[in-house]
Amino acid sequence: MGYRIVVAGATGNVGREMLNILAEREFPIDEIAVLASSRSQGNMVDFGDTDRQLKVQNIEYFDWTGWDIALFAIGSEATAFYAPKAAAAGCVVIDNSSLYRMDPDVPLIVPEVNPEAIDGYTRRNIIANPNCSTAQMVVALKPLHDAATIKRVVVSTYQSVSGAGKDGMDELFEQSRNIFVGDPAEPRKFTKQIAFNVIPHIDVFLDDGFTKEEWKMVVETKKIMGPKIKIVATCVRVPVFVGHSEALAIEFENEISAVEAQNILREAPGIMLIDKREDGGYVTPVECVGEFATFVSRVREDPTVDNGLLLWCVSDNLRKGAALNAVQIAELLGRRHLKKGDMIEDGAILDDDDASDD
């Protein structure tokens, strides 16, 4: 016996990726419904590479009764309206928006990091998916934190335009094309030209000078890993279509060497260590697209602080930062609570033939 699954926002970038991953990981599904706004009603979307197509239904008229799990990728405003309806009908909502992340009654889950927190889902029947940059970062931090206890993290992000949705990807493409042919490259989605440029501004500015994206990384990391960790972030948009990168400076309470960290990361769930100290011996965003893993490279000791490490972290933000993490949460929910069908084991993020490389 399998699950009755809903994907809300199935015509967007993240919704389509959710369908791809559900198919790839052979999630035990008895029935699946795909929802979007009235504009997309009746359109067909692919269910991964299965040659199966699904007809989009209008979320406005959908009856949530009898459905087990809903993966939401519809933004905060629509989620605020539809998630309580689904949850009240007994359908567990796994939400990709920022709406519920800091709600104390809603668990914020990265399965490799805090799986036990999912037990609190019964308070609201809602589970939150973290911000894309937070998700990949905490996957890399958790095994090192367990080994040597993290005191402080300084992170600089290099975030792809897909984090801003289809409009962001379209703007990068159009501006790049216009620049090559000598046409104007005026910004619409972003505050400045994104083609051949970087923008140190993601989301709105707060009174203290940080942006909301930077604030999210701080408060979400503390909720997931514990309030004692000190973290500060600078979030930057870069002209990359898919794949977020992060440079991390980590200070620990206890001594840990680069070699020890490499050995820990090599065995950690959800991580692929690629750290050869030679030309090309590291991972860049274009190489992580379509992959499940969070890639770690450039692990080295920080000579400016006691017990410090530096590393480079890259992941497909549409996957681990959004769709994959949501599906992993659904798998975790199935294993621990709902117990229908055969679920992928904890930590089984990579295919059997995937292996770490040092």
Protein backbone atom coordinates (compact mmCIF):
# COMPACT_ATOMS: atom_id res chain seq x y z
CA MET A 1 0.00 0.00 0.00
CA GLY A 2 1.36 3.39 -1.02
CA TYR A 3 0.54 7.05 -0.51
CA ARG A 4 -1.89 9.53 -2.01
CA ILE A 5 0.37 12.49 -2.83
CA VAL A 6 -0.36 16.08 -3.87
CA VAL A 7 2.12 18.45 -5.51
CA ALA A 8 0.86 22.03 -5.27
CA GLY A 9 2.60 24.43 -7.62
CA ALA A 10 3.39 21.65 -10.08
CA THR A 11 3.97 23.99 -13.04
CA GLY A 12 6.77 25.99 -11.38
CA ASN A 13 10.50 25.21 -11.27
CA VAL A 14 10.39 23.61 -7.81
CA GLY A 15 7.10 21.80 -8.38
CA ARG A 16 8.38 20.18 -11.56
CA GLU A 17 11.55 19.17 -9.75
CA MET A 18 9.44 17.61 -6.97
CA LEU A 19 7.73 15.45 -9.60
CA ASN A 20 11.09 14.48 -11.09
CA ILE A 21 12.46 13.43 -7.71
CA LEU A 22 9.35 11.54 -6.63
CA ALA A 23 9.72 9.52 -9.84
CA GLU A 24 13.50 9.09 -9.56
CA ARG A 25 13.37 7.88 -5.98
CA GLU A 26 10.37 5.64 -6.71
CA PHE A 27 8.34 7.10 -3.88
CA PRO A 28 5.55 4.57 -3.13
CA ILE A 29 2.56 6.37 -4.67
CA ASP A 30 -0.92 4.93 -5.13
CA GLU A 31 -2.34 8.18 -6.51
CA ILE A 32 -0.91 11.59 -7.31
CA ALA A 33 -2.61 14.94 -7.92
CA VAL A 34 -0.90 18.00 -9.38
CA LEU A 35 -2.28 21.45 -8.61
CA ALA A 36 -1.72 24.99 -9.78
CA SER A 37 -3.70 28.19 -10.28
CA SER A 38 -6.63 28.49 -12.68
CA ARG A 39 -4.25 29.77 -15.39
CA SER A 40 -2.65 26.33 -15.63
CA GLN A 41 -5.75 24.20 -15.16
CA GLY A 42 -5.89 21.42 -17.76
CA ASN A 43 -2.22 21.68 -18.72
CA MET A 44 -0.12 18.51 -18.68
CA VAL A 45 3.10 18.06 -16.71
CA ASP A 46 5.62 15.21 -16.90
CA PHE A 47 6.00 12.79 -14.02
CA GLY A 48 9.77 12.62 -14.24
CA ASP A 49 11.14 10.37 -16.99
CA THR A 50 8.33 7.82 -16.63
CA ASP A 51 6.55 8.81 -19.88
CA ARG A 52 3.52 9.49 -17.69
CA GLN A 53 1.80 12.85 -17.89
CA LEU A 54 -0.45 14.36 -15.24
CA LYS A 55 -3.29 16.84 -15.77
CA VAL A 56 -3.09 19.98 -13.66
CA GLN A 57 -6.08 20.66 -11.42
CA ASN A 58 -7.20 24.03 -10.07
CA ILE A 59 -6.07 24.26 -6.44
CA GLU A 60 -9.05 26.51 -5.66
CA TYR A 61 -11.54 23.64 -5.96
CA PHE A 62 -9.40 20.73 -4.77
CA ASP A 63 -10.80 18.44 -2.05
CA TRP A 64 -7.99 17.55 0.36
CA THR A 65 -9.91 14.80 2.10
CA GLY A 66 -8.22 11.40 2.00
CA TRP A 67 -4.84 12.61 0.74
CA ASP A 68 -1.77 11.69 2.82
CA ILE A 69 0.96 14.24 2.00
CA ALA A 70 1.02 17.51 0.08
CA LEU A 71 4.25 19.06 -1.18
CA PHE A 72 3.69 22.83 -1.42
CA ALA A 73 5.67 25.09 -3.78
CA ILE A 74 3.22 27.95 -4.20
CA GLY A 75 4.66 30.87 -2.21
CA SER A 76 3.75 32.24 1.19
CA GLU A 77 0.55 34.07 0.32
CA ALA A 78 -1.17 31.08 -1.30
CA THR A 79 0.24 28.72 1.32
CA ALA A 80 -1.33 30.80 4.09
CA PHE A 81 -4.73 30.16 2.51
CA TYR A 82 -4.47 26.54 1.36
CA ALA A 83 -2.10 24.85 3.86
CA PRO A 84 -4.52 25.10 6.83
CA LYS A 85 -7.30 23.65 4.65
CA ALA A 86 -5.16 20.68 3.68
CA ALA A 87 -3.89 20.15 7.23
CA ALA A 88 -7.42 20.31 8.67
CA ALA A 89 -8.48 17.61 6.21
CA GLY A 90 -5.76 15.29 7.53
CA CYS A 91 -3.24 15.84 4.72
CA VAL A 92 0.27 16.56 6.05
CA VAL A 93 1.69 19.67 4.35
CA ILE A 94 5.41 19.92 3.57
CA ASP A 95 5.83 23.59 2.73
CA ASN A 96 8.65 25.09 0.71
CA SER A 97 7.77 28.74 1.43
CA SER A 98 9.12 30.81 4.31
CA LEU A 99 5.69 31.16 5.94
CA TYR A 100 5.95 28.54 8.69
CA ARG A 101 9.71 28.17 9.11
CA MET A 102 9.95 30.10 12.37
CA ASP A 103 6.58 28.98 13.76
CA PRO A 104 7.42 27.22 17.05
CA ASP A 105 4.65 24.68 16.40
CA VAL A 106 5.99 23.72 12.96
CA PRO A 107 9.15 21.59 12.68
CA LEU A 108 11.83 22.88 10.30
CA ILE A 109 13.51 19.79 8.91
CA VAL A 110 16.65 18.74 7.07
CA PRO A 111 16.52 14.94 7.35
CA GLU A 112 20.31 14.44 7.58
CA VAL A 113 20.51 16.98 10.41
CA ASN A 114 17.47 16.94 12.73
CA PRO A 115 15.20 14.01 11.79
CA GLU A 116 13.85 13.64 15.32
CA ALA A 117 12.24 17.10 15.14
CA ILE A 118 9.68 15.80 12.66
CA ASP A 119 7.82 14.18 15.55
CA GLY A 120 6.33 17.60 16.30
CA TYR A 121 4.40 17.73 13.02
CA THR A 122 1.18 16.64 14.72
CA ARG A 123 0.73 20.06 16.37
CA ARG A 124 -0.20 21.72 13.06
CA ASN A 125 -0.01 18.88 10.51
CA ILE A 126 2.54 21.09 8.72
CA ILE A 127 6.29 20.66 8.21
CA ALA A 128 8.54 23.45 6.92
CA ASN A 129 11.33 23.15 4.37
CA PRO A 130 14.24 25.55 5.06
CA ASN A 131 15.68 28.22 2.82
CA CYS A 132 17.77 26.77 -0.01
CA SER A 133 21.03 28.26 1.27
CA THR A 134 20.38 27.09 4.82
CA ALA A 135 19.62 23.53 3.74
CA GLN A 136 22.89 22.82 2.00
CA MET A 137 24.91 24.63 4.66
CA VAL A 138 23.55 22.69 7.64
CA VAL A 139 24.12 19.37 5.83
CA ALA A 140 27.81 20.29 5.67
CA LEU A 141 27.95 21.71 9.20
CA LYS A 142 26.16 18.96 11.14
CA PRO A 143 28.78 16.17 11.04
CA LEU A 144 31.52 18.65 11.91
CA HIS A 145 29.42 20.08 14.74
CA ASP A 146 28.93 16.58 16.15
CA ALA A 147 32.69 16.04 16.09
CA ALA A 148 34.05 19.32 17.49
CA THR A 149 31.10 21.63 18.41
CA ILE A 150 30.73 24.73 16.26
CA LYS A 151 30.95 28.11 17.97
CA ARG A 152 30.70 30.51 15.04
CA VAL A 153 30.08 30.47 11.30
CA VAL A 154 30.77 33.23 8.78
CA VAL A 155 29.17 32.40 5.43
CA SER A 156 29.24 34.20 2.09
CA THR A 157 26.81 32.85 -0.48
CA TYR A 158 26.95 32.91 -4.27
CA GLN A 159 23.33 32.22 -5.18
CA SER A 160 22.03 31.36 -8.64
CA VAL A 161 19.21 33.22 -10.32
CA SER A 162 16.93 30.17 -10.19
CA GLY A 163 16.48 31.04 -6.52
CA ALA A 164 14.44 33.99 -7.78
CA GLY A 165 12.26 31.75 -9.95
CA LYS A 166 11.66 31.60 -13.67
CA ASP A 167 11.66 35.39 -13.97
CA GLY A 168 15.19 35.50 -12.60
CA MET A 169 16.42 32.86 -15.04
CA ASP A 170 14.73 34.63 -17.94
CA GLU A 171 16.33 37.94 -16.98
CA LEU A 172 19.84 36.49 -16.91
CA PHE A 173 19.31 34.88 -20.32
CA GLU A 174 17.79 37.98 -21.91
CA GLN A 175 20.37 40.39 -20.49
CA SER A 176 23.26 38.17 -21.60
CA ARG A 177 21.84 37.95 -25.11
CA ASN A 178 21.19 41.71 -25.26
CA ILE A 179 24.72 42.56 -24.15
CA PHE A 180 26.21 40.37 -26.86
CA VAL A 181 24.21 42.13 -29.60
CA GLY A 182 24.56 45.62 -28.15
CA ASP A 183 20.99 46.05 -26.89
CA PRO A 184 20.09 47.56 -23.47
CA ALA A 185 20.19 45.23 -20.45
CA GLU A 186 17.79 46.96 -18.09
CA PRO A 187 16.96 45.13 -14.83
CA ARG A 188 13.38 44.15 -14.05
CA LYS A 189 13.46 41.27 -11.58
CA PHE A 190 16.74 42.25 -9.93
CA THR A 191 17.81 45.63 -8.58
CA LYS A 192 20.81 45.88 -10.91
CA GLN A 193 22.10 44.16 -14.04
CA ILE A 194 22.72 40.49 -13.23
CA ALA A 195 24.42 39.42 -16.47
CA PHE A 196 28.23 39.56 -16.07
CA ASN A 197 27.74 41.08 -12.61
CA VAL A 198 27.14 40.15 -8.96
CA ILE A 199 24.54 41.75 -6.69
CA PRO A 200 25.10 41.78 -2.88
CA HIS A 201 21.39 41.96 -2.19
CA ILE A 202 18.81 39.14 -1.87
CA ASP A 203 15.33 39.87 -0.48
CA VAL A 204 14.47 43.10 1.36
CA PHE A 205 16.76 45.15 3.60
CA LEU A 206 16.15 45.13 7.34
CA ASP A 207 16.76 47.98 9.79
CA ASP A 208 20.15 46.59 10.89
CA GLY A 209 21.54 46.63 7.33
CA PHE A 210 21.26 42.89 6.75
CA THR A 211 18.85 41.48 4.17
CA LYS A 212 16.00 39.13 4.96
CA GLU A 213 17.82 36.31 3.14
CA GLU A 214 20.78 36.78 5.49
CA TRP A 215 18.44 36.86 8.49
CA LYS A 216 16.78 33.63 7.33
CA MET A 217 20.11 31.81 7.25
CA VAL A 218 20.82 32.87 10.83
CA VAL A 219 17.49 32.09 12.47
CA GLU A 220 16.83 28.90 10.50
CA THR A 221 20.27 27.47 11.30
CA LYS A 222 19.70 28.16 14.99
CA LYS A 223 16.28 26.47 14.89
CA ILE A 224 17.68 23.41 13.10
CA MET A 225 21.04 23.00 14.88
CA GLY A 226 20.63 24.84 18.18
CA PRO A 227 20.54 28.45 19.43
CA LYS A 228 24.14 28.55 20.70
CA ILE A 229 25.71 28.63 17.24
CA LYS A 230 26.72 32.17 16.22
CA ILE A 231 26.29 32.81 12.51
CA VAL A 232 26.57 35.79 10.21
CA ALA A 233 25.85 35.77 6.47
CA THR A 234 26.40 37.86 3.36
CA CYS A 235 24.15 36.72 0.52
CA VAL A 236 25.05 37.54 -3.07
CA ARG A 237 23.22 36.87 -6.35
CA VAL A 238 25.53 35.70 -9.15
CA PRO A 239 24.99 35.10 -12.89
CA VAL A 240 24.60 31.33 -12.62
CA PHE A 241 21.38 29.66 -13.73
CA VAL A 242 21.23 26.78 -11.19
CA GLY A 243 23.38 25.87 -8.19
CA HIS A 244 24.18 27.80 -5.03
CA SER A 245 27.73 28.06 -3.67
CA GLU A 246 28.90 29.02 -0.20
CA ALA A 247 32.24 29.90 1.35
CA LEU A 248 32.22 28.92 5.02
CA ALA A 249 34.57 30.00 7.82
CA ILE A 250 33.85 27.84 10.86
CA GLU A 251 35.21 28.21 14.40
CA PHE A 252 34.99 25.23 16.76
CA GLU A 253 35.16 24.79 20.51
CA ASN A 254 37.42 21.77 20.15
CA GLU A 255 40.43 21.06 17.97
CA ILE A 256 39.79 19.59 14.54
CA SER A 257 42.21 19.31 11.64
CA ALA A 258 41.48 19.55 7.94
CA VAL A 259 42.30 15.87 7.51
CA GLU A 260 39.92 14.91 10.31
CA ALA A 261 37.21 17.07 8.76
CA GLN A 262 37.75 15.48 5.36
CA ASN A 263 37.43 11.99 6.85
CA ILE A 264 34.22 12.98 8.65
CA LEU A 265 32.67 14.60 5.59
CA ARG A 266 33.61 11.66 3.38
CA GLU A 267 31.36 9.39 5.46
CA ALA A 268 28.57 11.88 6.21
CA PRO A 269 25.08 11.34 4.75
CA GLY A 270 24.11 13.55 1.85
CA ILE A 271 27.65 14.84 1.24
CA MET A 272 30.10 14.15 -1.55
CA LEU A 273 33.62 15.29 -0.74
CA ILE A 274 35.65 16.30 -3.78
CA ASP A 275 38.78 17.94 -2.46
CA LYS A 276 41.87 17.43 -4.59
CA ARG A 277 44.42 20.19 -4.13
CA GLU A 278 45.05 20.60 -7.82
CA ASP A 279 43.59 22.38 -10.82
CA GLY A 280 39.91 21.42 -11.10
CA GLY A 281 39.97 19.36 -7.90
CA TYR A 282 36.80 21.00 -6.57
CA VAL A 283 33.13 21.30 -7.56
CA THR A 284 31.49 24.30 -9.22
CA PRO A 285 27.76 25.00 -9.67
CA VAL A 286 27.47 23.69 -13.23
CA GLU A 287 28.72 20.29 -12.06
CA CYS A 288 26.16 19.93 -9.28
CA VAL A 289 23.06 20.50 -11.42
CA GLY A 290 20.75 17.49 -11.33
CA GLU A 291 22.64 15.87 -8.44
CA PHE A 292 21.23 14.90 -5.05
CA ALA A 293 24.40 15.51 -3.02
CA THR A 294 25.75 18.55 -1.26
CA PHE A 295 29.33 18.85 -2.53
CA VAL A 296 32.18 20.00 -0.28
CA SER A 297 35.62 21.11 -1.49
CA ARG A 298 38.58 23.28 -0.42
CA VAL A 299 38.67 22.01 3.19
CA ARG A 300 41.56 23.71 4.95
CA GLU A 301 42.59 25.06 8.34
CA ASP A 302 42.05 28.73 9.15
CA PRO A 303 45.34 30.15 10.55
CA THR A 304 43.64 33.31 11.87
CA VAL A 305 41.61 31.63 14.66
CA ASP A 306 42.00 28.73 17.04
CA ASN A 307 40.21 25.58 15.87
CA GLY A 308 39.10 27.10 12.59
CA LEU A 309 38.26 25.52 9.24
CA LEU A 310 37.42 26.93 5.83
CA LEU A 311 35.44 25.08 3.16
CA TRP A 312 33.51 25.48 -0.10
CA CYS A 313 29.99 24.05 -0.39
CA VAL A 314 27.95 23.66 -3.60
CA SER A 315 24.49 22.20 -4.25
CA ASP A 316 21.66 22.22 -6.77
CA ASN A 317 19.32 24.69 -5.06
CA LEU A 318 16.25 23.39 -6.89
CA ARG A 319 17.02 19.92 -5.51
CA LYS A 320 18.61 19.84 -2.07
CA GLY A 321 17.62 23.43 -1.45
CA ALA A 322 13.98 22.76 -2.20
CA ALA A 323 12.46 19.76 -3.98
CA LEU A 324 14.77 16.98 -2.83
CA ASN A 325 14.64 18.06 0.80
CA ALA A 326 10.83 18.13 0.64
CA VAL A 327 10.70 14.59 -0.77
CA GLN A 328 13.22 13.41 1.84
CA ILE A 329 10.96 14.89 4.53
CA ALA A 330 8.05 12.92 3.05
CA GLU A 331 10.16 9.76 3.15
CA LEU A 332 11.14 10.45 6.76
CA LEU A 333 7.51 11.08 7.67
CA GLY A 334 6.57 7.77 6.10
CA ARG A 335 9.27 5.82 7.93
CA ARG A 336 8.66 7.33 11.36
CA HIS A 337 4.91 7.91 11.38
CA LEU A 338 2.67 7.11 8.43
CA LYS A 339 4.30 3.74 7.63
CA LYS A 340 2.88 3.01 4.21
CA GLY A 341 4.93 1.41 1.44
CA ASP A 342 8.68 0.82 1.34
CA MET A 343 10.63 4.00 2.04
CA ILE A 344 14.26 4.82 1.26
CA GLU A 345 16.48 4.31 4.30
CA ASP A 346 17.76 7.26 6.34
CA GLY A 347 20.75 8.92 4.70
CA ALA A 348 20.36 7.07 1.40
CA ILE A 349 20.77 10.21 -0.67
CA LEU A 350 23.08 8.89 -3.36
CA ASP A 351 22.74 6.03 -5.81
CA ASP A 352 24.51 2.79 -4.92
CA ASP A 353 27.26 3.50 -7.44
CA ASP A 354 27.93 7.04 -6.15
CA ALA A 355 31.05 7.39 -4.03
CA SER A 356 33.05 10.12 -2.32
CA ASP A 357 36.27 11.35 -3.85
CA ASP A 358 39.00 13.08 -1.87
